[in-house]
Amino acid sequence: MISVDEALERILSAIRPLGSETVALPDSLGRIAAADVRARLFNPAFDVSAMDGYAVRAADVHPGATLQMIGTSQAGARFDGAVGPGQCVRIFTGAPVPPGADAVVMQEETRAEGAAITFEADVLSGRSIRYRGEDFAEGDVLAAAGAAITPNRLALIAAGNVSELAVARRPSIGILATGDELVPLGHPVGPDQIVASNSLGLAAFFAPHAGPITDHGIAPDSREALGAALARALDAEPDILITTGGASVGEHDLVQEMLKAKGVAIDFWRIAMRPGKPLMFGRRGKTLVFGLPGNPVSSLVTARIFVLPAVLALVGARPPAPQYLPLAADLGPNAARRHFLRGRLISDPDLGTAVEPVRQIDSGHLSSVAGADVLIVHKEHSSGLKRGHNIEVQRF
């Protein structure tokens, strides 16, 4: 067995980013920027008013001062002129500040009698003005290479008048389930059978990061049928092929044997972790091959810990930074394998946001995964941890 850290290092050392493609901005949501995205204009493009009121020369304004209103500036229709001594311009939020004015006084601090505007207080130069380029300037980086294009970042890029951008190409993923006991979703389930839920869960898990994702169905536990299914899946040359089941040491666990027979070079097999010990990793040509355990929890945990970092590395994304949260309850000692426990986030009156271990640790217990927010990383040879200890968590 090798450690979790060594397995991750060996996986990531085998990966090079897939390159980039150019897409329209609306199609970039959820993608990873392949290069710095730079603004093509200033925002604001000109000095604008931050509120409804009057554009003035600050030096002219004091309690009781009356200025002559000489025009109006509104969004999309600026005042065509300049503000001189003793003058002001009616202005609305988002409207260009006219030349000569250096402050905006909100309308609630004035009294209007026709074009005569009386002010009730002093005003400082610069008040209620958003200056040209205050948000960003032409050429500023709006999204750095490696950043995810989120909805708010997409809006920022749009404000910079960027209509298309280079994003990382997403990896193609193939998924093949194995096992005589599996039946497809919606089919009759015999007395010794279960629904093949792993493929559906994995496809959903990777959908935000990859595409296309191809479900190659279910291969029974026979060398001939499994070999044929693996050949079809590998010949499609996906960037990643994931198999589930058949990765252990039983008489019906044939995946490793048949992967080798189809030309896959196995890098390692078995990790010092739980759940998920019988994980395989190998390669054929450009295709990275992950043999995940068949137990549903083990499959999802190993996908999160090993396959997701590989997917992110292929698109050049930054790996998520480690997160630490206080334990809401004591955690007992751990042996030689790193334990990824399911955890729920709770609001604790003393600790704030804390993580509560889910005591159900069976690797077939899917409802405990559905109710979990994070994986708690319980390190090897831990002597036990007390409530309040800050522990690493991995978000699903």
Protein backbone atom coordinates (compact mmCIF):
# COMPACT_ATOMS: atom_id res chain seq x y z
CA MET A 1 0.00 0.00 0.00
CA ILE A 2 1.07 3.59 -0.58
CA SER A 3 0.00 6.69 1.32
CA VAL A 4 -2.72 9.08 0.21
CA ASP A 5 -0.13 11.83 -0.26
CA GLU A 6 2.15 9.65 -2.41
CA ALA A 7 -0.79 8.51 -4.53
CA LEU A 8 -1.85 12.11 -5.17
CA GLU A 9 1.72 13.10 -6.03
CA ARG A 10 2.04 10.26 -8.53
CA ILE A 11 -1.32 11.07 -10.15
CA LEU A 12 -0.61 14.78 -10.50
CA SER A 13 2.91 14.22 -11.81
CA ALA A 14 1.40 12.32 -14.76
CA ILE A 15 -0.84 15.24 -15.81
CA ARG A 16 -0.36 18.11 -18.20
CA PRO A 17 -3.11 20.70 -18.83
CA LEU A 18 -5.25 19.99 -21.88
CA GLY A 19 -4.92 23.38 -23.53
CA SER A 20 -7.56 25.99 -24.25
CA GLU A 21 -10.43 26.98 -26.49
CA THR A 22 -12.18 30.30 -27.10
CA VAL A 23 -15.84 30.61 -26.13
CA ALA A 24 -18.41 33.38 -26.03
CA LEU A 25 -18.70 35.00 -22.62
CA PRO A 26 -22.20 33.58 -21.88
CA ASP A 27 -20.82 30.09 -22.50
CA SER A 28 -17.90 30.53 -20.09
CA LEU A 29 -19.89 30.10 -16.87
CA GLY A 30 -18.25 27.45 -14.72
CA ARG A 31 -15.18 27.24 -16.95
CA ILE A 32 -11.58 28.01 -15.99
CA ALA A 33 -9.84 31.03 -17.52
CA ALA A 34 -6.87 29.83 -19.57
CA ALA A 35 -5.28 33.29 -19.71
CA ASP A 36 -5.68 36.60 -17.92
CA VAL A 37 -8.90 38.34 -18.97
CA ARG A 38 -8.28 42.09 -19.27
CA ALA A 39 -10.74 44.98 -19.38
CA ARG A 40 -11.19 46.75 -22.70
CA LEU A 41 -12.46 49.99 -21.20
CA PHE A 42 -12.63 51.99 -17.97
CA ASN A 43 -15.38 51.45 -15.42
CA PRO A 44 -16.90 53.90 -14.81
CA ALA A 45 -16.11 55.20 -18.26
CA PHE A 46 -16.48 58.78 -16.91
CA ASP A 47 -17.10 60.49 -13.57
CA VAL A 48 -20.65 59.62 -12.53
CA SER A 49 -23.03 60.63 -9.79
CA ALA A 50 -23.64 58.11 -7.01
CA MET A 51 -27.07 59.55 -6.18
CA ASP A 52 -29.89 61.88 -7.20
CA GLY A 53 -29.17 65.50 -6.37
CA TYR A 54 -27.22 68.49 -7.69
CA ALA A 55 -23.75 68.69 -9.23
CA VAL A 56 -21.95 71.67 -7.70
CA ARG A 57 -18.62 73.36 -7.12
CA ALA A 58 -17.95 72.48 -3.48
CA ALA A 59 -16.50 75.95 -2.86
CA ASP A 60 -19.90 77.51 -3.65
CA VAL A 61 -21.87 75.46 -1.15
CA HIS A 62 -22.53 76.40 2.48
CA PRO A 63 -25.67 76.56 4.67
CA GLY A 64 -28.10 79.02 3.10
CA ALA A 65 -26.25 79.33 -0.22
CA THR A 66 -28.52 79.56 -3.26
CA LEU A 67 -27.28 78.46 -6.70
CA GLN A 68 -28.85 78.73 -10.11
CA MET A 69 -29.76 75.44 -11.77
CA ILE A 70 -28.68 75.62 -15.42
CA GLY A 71 -29.63 72.18 -16.71
CA THR A 72 -30.00 68.44 -16.12
CA SER A 73 -27.69 65.44 -16.44
CA GLN A 74 -29.16 61.95 -16.50
CA ALA A 75 -27.94 58.48 -17.37
CA GLY A 76 -27.56 58.29 -21.13
CA ALA A 77 -28.07 62.04 -21.63
CA ARG A 78 -25.32 64.21 -20.18
CA PHE A 79 -25.54 67.98 -19.58
CA ASP A 80 -23.89 69.70 -22.51
CA GLY A 81 -22.05 72.48 -20.76
CA ALA A 82 -19.98 73.32 -17.69
CA VAL A 83 -20.79 74.41 -14.14
CA GLY A 84 -19.49 77.87 -13.32
CA PRO A 85 -19.45 79.94 -10.11
CA GLY A 86 -22.91 80.21 -8.52
CA GLN A 87 -24.34 77.47 -10.72
CA CYS A 88 -25.49 73.86 -10.28
CA VAL A 89 -26.92 71.07 -12.45
CA ARG A 90 -29.73 68.70 -11.56
CA ILE A 91 -28.19 65.21 -11.71
CA PHE A 92 -29.40 61.63 -11.35
CA THR A 93 -27.69 58.43 -10.24
CA GLY A 94 -25.37 57.11 -12.94
CA ALA A 95 -25.34 60.37 -14.89
CA PRO A 96 -22.09 62.00 -16.04
CA VAL A 97 -20.80 64.74 -13.73
CA PRO A 98 -20.49 67.91 -15.83
CA PRO A 99 -17.16 69.75 -16.16
CA GLY A 100 -16.58 72.30 -13.41
CA ALA A 101 -18.52 70.34 -10.77
CA ASP A 102 -16.53 68.50 -8.11
CA ALA A 103 -19.29 67.25 -5.75
CA VAL A 104 -22.88 66.05 -5.71
CA VAL A 105 -25.31 67.11 -2.99
CA MET A 106 -28.26 64.80 -2.40
CA GLN A 107 -31.63 66.36 -3.11
CA GLU A 108 -32.78 65.79 0.51
CA GLU A 109 -30.26 68.45 1.64
CA THR A 110 -31.69 71.17 -0.60
CA ARG A 111 -34.78 73.33 -1.17
CA ALA A 112 -35.88 74.15 -4.71
CA GLU A 113 -37.87 77.19 -5.81
CA GLY A 114 -37.92 76.92 -9.56
CA ALA A 115 -34.34 77.16 -10.78
CA ALA A 116 -33.11 78.60 -7.45
CA ILE A 117 -31.62 75.78 -5.31
CA THR A 118 -30.80 76.53 -1.65
CA PHE A 119 -28.37 74.28 0.21
CA GLU A 120 -28.57 73.36 3.89
CA ALA A 121 -24.99 72.20 4.63
CA ASP A 122 -21.39 72.32 3.49
CA VAL A 123 -20.11 69.69 1.04
CA LEU A 124 -16.62 68.32 0.55
CA SER A 125 -15.04 68.06 -2.88
CA GLY A 126 -15.49 64.53 -4.28
CA ARG A 127 -18.66 63.73 -2.37
CA SER A 128 -20.99 61.21 -4.08
CA ILE A 129 -18.88 60.98 -7.23
CA ARG A 130 -17.64 57.69 -8.69
CA TYR A 131 -14.52 58.62 -10.63
CA ARG A 132 -13.52 57.28 -14.04
CA GLY A 133 -11.73 53.95 -13.67
CA GLU A 134 -12.52 53.72 -9.96
CA ASP A 135 -13.79 50.14 -10.39
CA PHE A 136 -11.24 49.08 -13.00
CA ALA A 137 -9.16 50.63 -15.76
CA GLU A 138 -8.60 49.51 -19.33
CA GLY A 139 -6.09 46.66 -19.25
CA ASP A 140 -6.80 45.63 -15.65
CA VAL A 141 -7.07 41.88 -15.02
CA LEU A 142 -10.72 40.96 -14.43
CA ALA A 143 -10.08 37.22 -14.15
CA ALA A 144 -6.63 35.73 -13.71
CA ALA A 145 -5.58 32.58 -15.51
CA GLY A 146 -6.77 29.61 -13.47
CA ALA A 147 -9.77 31.44 -12.00
CA ALA A 148 -13.24 29.92 -12.23
CA ILE A 149 -15.79 31.97 -14.15
CA THR A 150 -18.55 32.43 -11.57
CA PRO A 151 -21.74 34.41 -12.20
CA ASN A 152 -20.39 37.50 -10.44
CA ARG A 153 -17.06 37.27 -12.26
CA LEU A 154 -18.90 36.85 -15.56
CA ALA A 155 -20.79 40.09 -14.86
CA LEU A 156 -17.48 41.85 -14.14
CA ILE A 157 -15.99 40.62 -17.42
CA ALA A 158 -19.07 41.77 -19.31
CA ALA A 159 -18.71 45.23 -17.77
CA GLY A 160 -15.18 45.25 -19.20
CA ASN A 161 -16.69 44.71 -22.69
CA VAL A 162 -15.03 41.32 -23.18
CA SER A 163 -17.29 39.26 -25.43
CA GLU A 164 -15.20 36.08 -25.65
CA LEU A 165 -12.32 34.55 -23.73
CA ALA A 166 -9.93 31.61 -23.66
CA VAL A 167 -10.95 28.86 -21.26
CA ALA A 168 -9.36 25.54 -20.41
CA ARG A 169 -10.61 22.61 -22.41
CA ARG A 170 -12.67 20.29 -20.26
CA PRO A 171 -11.60 16.65 -19.99
CA SER A 172 -13.76 13.94 -21.48
CA ILE A 173 -14.67 11.21 -19.00
CA GLY A 174 -15.84 7.65 -19.57
CA ILE A 175 -17.47 5.64 -16.79
CA LEU A 176 -17.84 1.85 -16.74
CA ALA A 177 -19.54 -0.03 -13.90
CA THR A 178 -18.72 -3.69 -13.33
CA GLY A 179 -20.47 -6.48 -11.50
CA ASP A 180 -23.04 -9.24 -12.05
CA GLU A 181 -25.15 -7.79 -9.25
CA LEU A 182 -25.81 -4.46 -11.00
CA VAL A 183 -28.91 -3.46 -12.96
CA PRO A 184 -29.59 -0.13 -14.70
CA LEU A 185 -31.78 2.47 -13.07
CA GLY A 186 -35.49 1.80 -13.58
CA HIS A 187 -35.06 -1.89 -14.48
CA PRO A 188 -36.53 -4.73 -12.42
CA VAL A 189 -34.23 -5.58 -9.51
CA GLY A 190 -33.79 -9.27 -8.75
CA PRO A 191 -33.36 -10.75 -5.27
CA ASP A 192 -29.55 -10.71 -5.51
CA GLN A 193 -29.17 -7.43 -7.42
CA ILE A 194 -28.76 -3.72 -6.74
CA VAL A 195 -29.21 -0.56 -8.81
CA ALA A 196 -26.04 0.73 -10.48
CA SER A 197 -26.03 4.09 -8.68
CA ASN A 198 -22.27 4.75 -8.80
CA SER A 199 -22.17 5.76 -12.46
CA LEU A 200 -25.01 8.24 -12.04
CA GLY A 201 -23.47 9.76 -8.91
CA LEU A 202 -20.03 10.09 -10.48
CA ALA A 203 -21.39 11.64 -13.67
CA ALA A 204 -23.29 14.20 -11.61
CA PHE A 205 -20.23 14.87 -9.45
CA PHE A 206 -17.98 15.64 -12.41
CA ALA A 207 -20.57 17.39 -14.60
CA PRO A 208 -19.54 20.93 -13.49
CA HIS A 209 -15.90 20.23 -14.39
CA ALA A 210 -15.86 17.93 -17.41
CA GLY A 211 -17.52 17.17 -20.70
CA PRO A 212 -18.55 15.12 -22.41
CA ILE A 213 -19.17 12.38 -19.84
CA THR A 214 -20.00 9.00 -21.39
CA ASP A 215 -21.68 6.18 -19.46
CA HIS A 216 -20.42 2.88 -20.93
CA GLY A 217 -22.98 0.87 -19.00
CA ILE A 218 -22.42 -2.25 -16.92
CA ALA A 219 -19.91 -5.02 -17.61
CA PRO A 220 -20.56 -8.42 -16.04
CA ASP A 221 -17.92 -10.36 -14.12
CA SER A 222 -16.49 -12.38 -17.00
CA ARG A 223 -13.14 -11.89 -18.67
CA GLU A 224 -14.60 -11.90 -22.17
CA ALA A 225 -17.42 -9.42 -21.49
CA LEU A 226 -15.33 -7.15 -19.26
CA GLY A 227 -12.45 -7.16 -21.74
CA ALA A 228 -14.77 -6.19 -24.58
CA ALA A 229 -16.35 -3.39 -22.54
CA LEU A 230 -12.96 -2.03 -21.48
CA ALA A 231 -11.71 -2.16 -25.06
CA ARG A 232 -14.67 -0.11 -26.27
CA ALA A 233 -14.26 2.44 -23.46
CA LEU A 234 -10.49 2.77 -23.96
CA ASP A 235 -10.70 2.95 -27.76
CA ALA A 236 -12.92 6.04 -27.37
CA GLU A 237 -9.76 7.69 -25.95
CA PRO A 238 -11.33 9.75 -23.15
CA ASP A 239 -9.02 11.91 -21.10
CA ILE A 240 -10.13 9.94 -18.04
CA LEU A 241 -11.68 6.47 -17.77
CA ILE A 242 -13.28 5.53 -14.45
CA THR A 243 -14.25 1.98 -13.62
CA THR A 244 -16.17 1.02 -10.50
CA GLY A 245 -16.11 -2.38 -8.84
CA GLY A 246 -13.89 -5.40 -9.32
CA ALA A 247 -10.86 -3.65 -7.85
CA SER A 248 -10.25 -5.89 -4.85
CA VAL A 249 -8.72 -9.37 -4.56
CA GLY A 250 -11.72 -11.70 -4.85
CA GLU A 251 -12.14 -14.35 -7.53
CA HIS A 252 -14.56 -12.09 -9.41
CA ASP A 253 -12.38 -8.96 -9.15
CA LEU A 254 -11.06 -8.97 -12.70
CA VAL A 255 -10.64 -5.29 -13.51
CA GLN A 256 -6.90 -4.98 -12.89
CA GLU A 257 -6.14 -8.14 -14.90
CA MET A 258 -8.24 -7.00 -17.85
CA LEU A 259 -6.96 -3.43 -17.78
CA LYS A 260 -3.43 -4.79 -18.13
CA ALA A 261 -4.58 -7.09 -20.92
CA LYS A 262 -5.91 -4.04 -22.79
CA GLY A 263 -2.62 -2.18 -22.55
CA VAL A 264 -3.10 -0.10 -19.41
CA ALA A 265 0.11 0.39 -17.42
CA ILE A 266 -0.91 0.24 -13.75
CA ASP A 267 1.03 2.79 -11.69
CA PHE A 268 -0.27 1.73 -8.29
CA TRP A 269 -2.98 -0.28 -6.59
CA ARG A 270 -4.20 -0.02 -2.98
CA ILE A 271 -4.03 3.09 -0.81
CA ALA A 272 -3.54 3.33 2.96
CA MET A 273 -6.95 4.90 3.49
CA ARG A 274 -10.50 4.08 4.44
CA PRO A 275 -12.87 3.89 2.80
CA GLY A 276 -11.35 3.26 -0.61
CA LYS A 277 -8.27 1.07 -0.07
CA PRO A 278 -8.44 -0.92 -3.38
CA LEU A 279 -8.02 2.06 -5.73
CA MET A 280 -6.06 1.64 -8.97
CA PHE A 281 -4.41 4.22 -11.16
CA GLY A 282 -2.83 3.68 -14.55
CA ARG A 283 -2.54 5.02 -18.08
CA ARG A 284 -2.97 4.02 -21.69
CA GLY A 285 -1.84 6.64 -24.16
CA LYS A 286 -3.44 9.94 -23.18
CA THR A 287 -6.11 8.25 -21.05
CA LEU A 288 -5.77 8.33 -17.27
CA VAL A 289 -7.46 5.26 -15.79
CA PHE A 290 -8.93 5.16 -12.29
CA GLY A 291 -10.24 1.88 -10.92
CA LEU A 292 -12.53 2.85 -8.05
CA PRO A 293 -14.02 0.49 -5.49
CA GLY A 294 -17.58 -0.67 -6.04
CA ASN A 295 -18.90 0.25 -2.61
CA PRO A 296 -20.90 3.46 -3.16
CA VAL A 297 -19.30 5.50 -0.38
CA SER A 298 -15.79 4.32 -1.30
CA SER A 299 -16.46 5.24 -4.92
CA LEU A 300 -17.55 8.78 -4.10
CA VAL A 301 -14.78 9.36 -1.54
CA THR A 302 -11.99 8.22 -3.87
CA ALA A 303 -13.50 10.28 -6.68
CA ARG A 304 -13.36 13.36 -4.45
CA ILE A 305 -9.87 12.73 -3.07
CA PHE A 306 -8.07 11.51 -6.22
CA VAL A 307 -10.06 11.97 -9.43
CA LEU A 308 -11.26 15.53 -8.80
CA PRO A 309 -7.69 16.87 -8.27
CA ALA A 310 -6.74 15.19 -11.55
CA VAL A 311 -9.66 16.84 -13.37
CA LEU A 312 -8.72 20.24 -11.93
CA ALA A 313 -5.07 19.75 -12.92
CA LEU A 314 -6.13 18.92 -16.49
CA VAL A 315 -7.94 22.26 -16.76
CA GLY A 316 -5.16 24.17 -15.02
CA ALA A 317 -7.36 25.13 -12.08
CA ARG A 318 -5.97 25.96 -8.68
CA PRO A 319 -6.59 23.17 -6.16
CA PRO A 320 -8.87 24.17 -3.28
CA ALA A 321 -6.97 25.38 -0.23
CA PRO A 322 -7.21 23.17 2.87
CA GLN A 323 -10.03 24.12 5.20
CA TYR A 324 -10.06 23.63 8.95
CA LEU A 325 -13.02 23.60 11.30
CA PRO A 326 -13.40 22.83 15.00
CA LEU A 327 -14.69 19.40 15.93
CA ALA A 328 -18.12 19.47 17.53
CA ALA A 329 -17.40 16.19 19.33
CA ASP A 330 -14.43 14.09 20.40
CA LEU A 331 -12.89 11.84 17.76
CA GLY A 332 -11.31 8.54 18.80
CA PRO A 333 -7.86 7.25 17.81
CA ASN A 334 -7.01 6.21 14.25
CA ALA A 335 -4.74 3.41 13.02
CA ALA A 336 -2.35 3.27 10.07
CA ARG A 337 -4.80 4.25 7.30
CA ARG A 338 -6.02 7.81 6.76
CA HIS A 339 -9.72 7.90 7.52
CA PHE A 340 -12.11 10.10 5.55
CA LEU A 341 -15.17 10.36 7.77
CA ARG A 342 -18.42 11.90 6.73
CA GLY A 343 -19.17 15.15 8.56
CA ARG A 344 -22.05 17.60 9.00
CA LEU A 345 -21.60 21.33 9.46
CA ILE A 346 -23.45 22.65 12.50
CA SER A 347 -23.75 25.93 14.39
CA ASP A 348 -22.28 25.36 17.84
CA PRO A 349 -23.01 27.93 20.60
CA ASP A 350 -19.38 27.86 21.76
CA LEU A 351 -17.42 27.00 18.61
CA GLY A 352 -19.42 28.76 15.90
CA THR A 353 -19.45 26.79 12.65
CA ALA A 354 -18.16 23.34 13.54
CA VAL A 355 -18.05 19.88 12.02
CA GLU A 356 -19.86 16.95 13.59
CA PRO A 357 -18.62 13.45 12.67
CA VAL A 358 -21.22 11.10 11.25
CA ARG A 359 -20.85 7.95 13.30
CA GLN A 360 -22.07 5.70 10.48
CA ILE A 361 -18.88 4.61 8.67
CA ASP A 362 -20.09 1.64 6.60
CA SER A 363 -18.91 2.01 2.99
CA GLY A 364 -22.30 1.01 1.60
CA HIS A 365 -24.29 3.52 3.63
CA LEU A 366 -25.26 6.07 0.97
CA SER A 367 -27.77 7.98 3.09
CA SER A 368 -24.97 9.05 5.41
CA VAL A 369 -23.15 10.56 2.42
CA ALA A 370 -26.30 12.30 1.23
CA GLY A 371 -26.59 13.91 4.66
CA ALA A 372 -22.92 14.91 4.86
CA ASP A 373 -21.45 18.30 3.97
CA VAL A 374 -17.75 17.44 4.16
CA LEU A 375 -15.21 14.68 4.57
CA ILE A 376 -13.26 14.88 7.83
CA VAL A 377 -9.58 14.04 7.28
CA HIS A 378 -8.51 11.92 10.25
CA LYS A 379 -4.76 11.50 9.85
CA GLU A 380 -2.83 8.27 10.26
CA HIS A 381 -1.81 7.14 13.77
CA SER A 382 -3.85 9.84 15.50
CA SER A 383 -4.15 9.27 19.22
CA GLY A 384 -7.57 10.88 19.20
CA LEU A 385 -8.81 14.47 19.07
CA LYS A 386 -10.89 16.49 21.50
CA ARG A 387 -13.92 18.64 20.83
CA GLY A 388 -12.80 22.06 19.61
CA HIS A 389 -9.68 20.78 17.81
CA ASN A 390 -9.30 22.34 14.36
CA ILE A 391 -9.32 19.52 11.82
CA GLU A 392 -8.97 19.46 8.04
CA VAL A 393 -12.16 18.99 6.03
CA GLN A 394 -12.74 18.39 2.32
CA ARG A 395 -15.96 19.77 0.90
CA PHE A 396 -17.84 17.47 -1.47
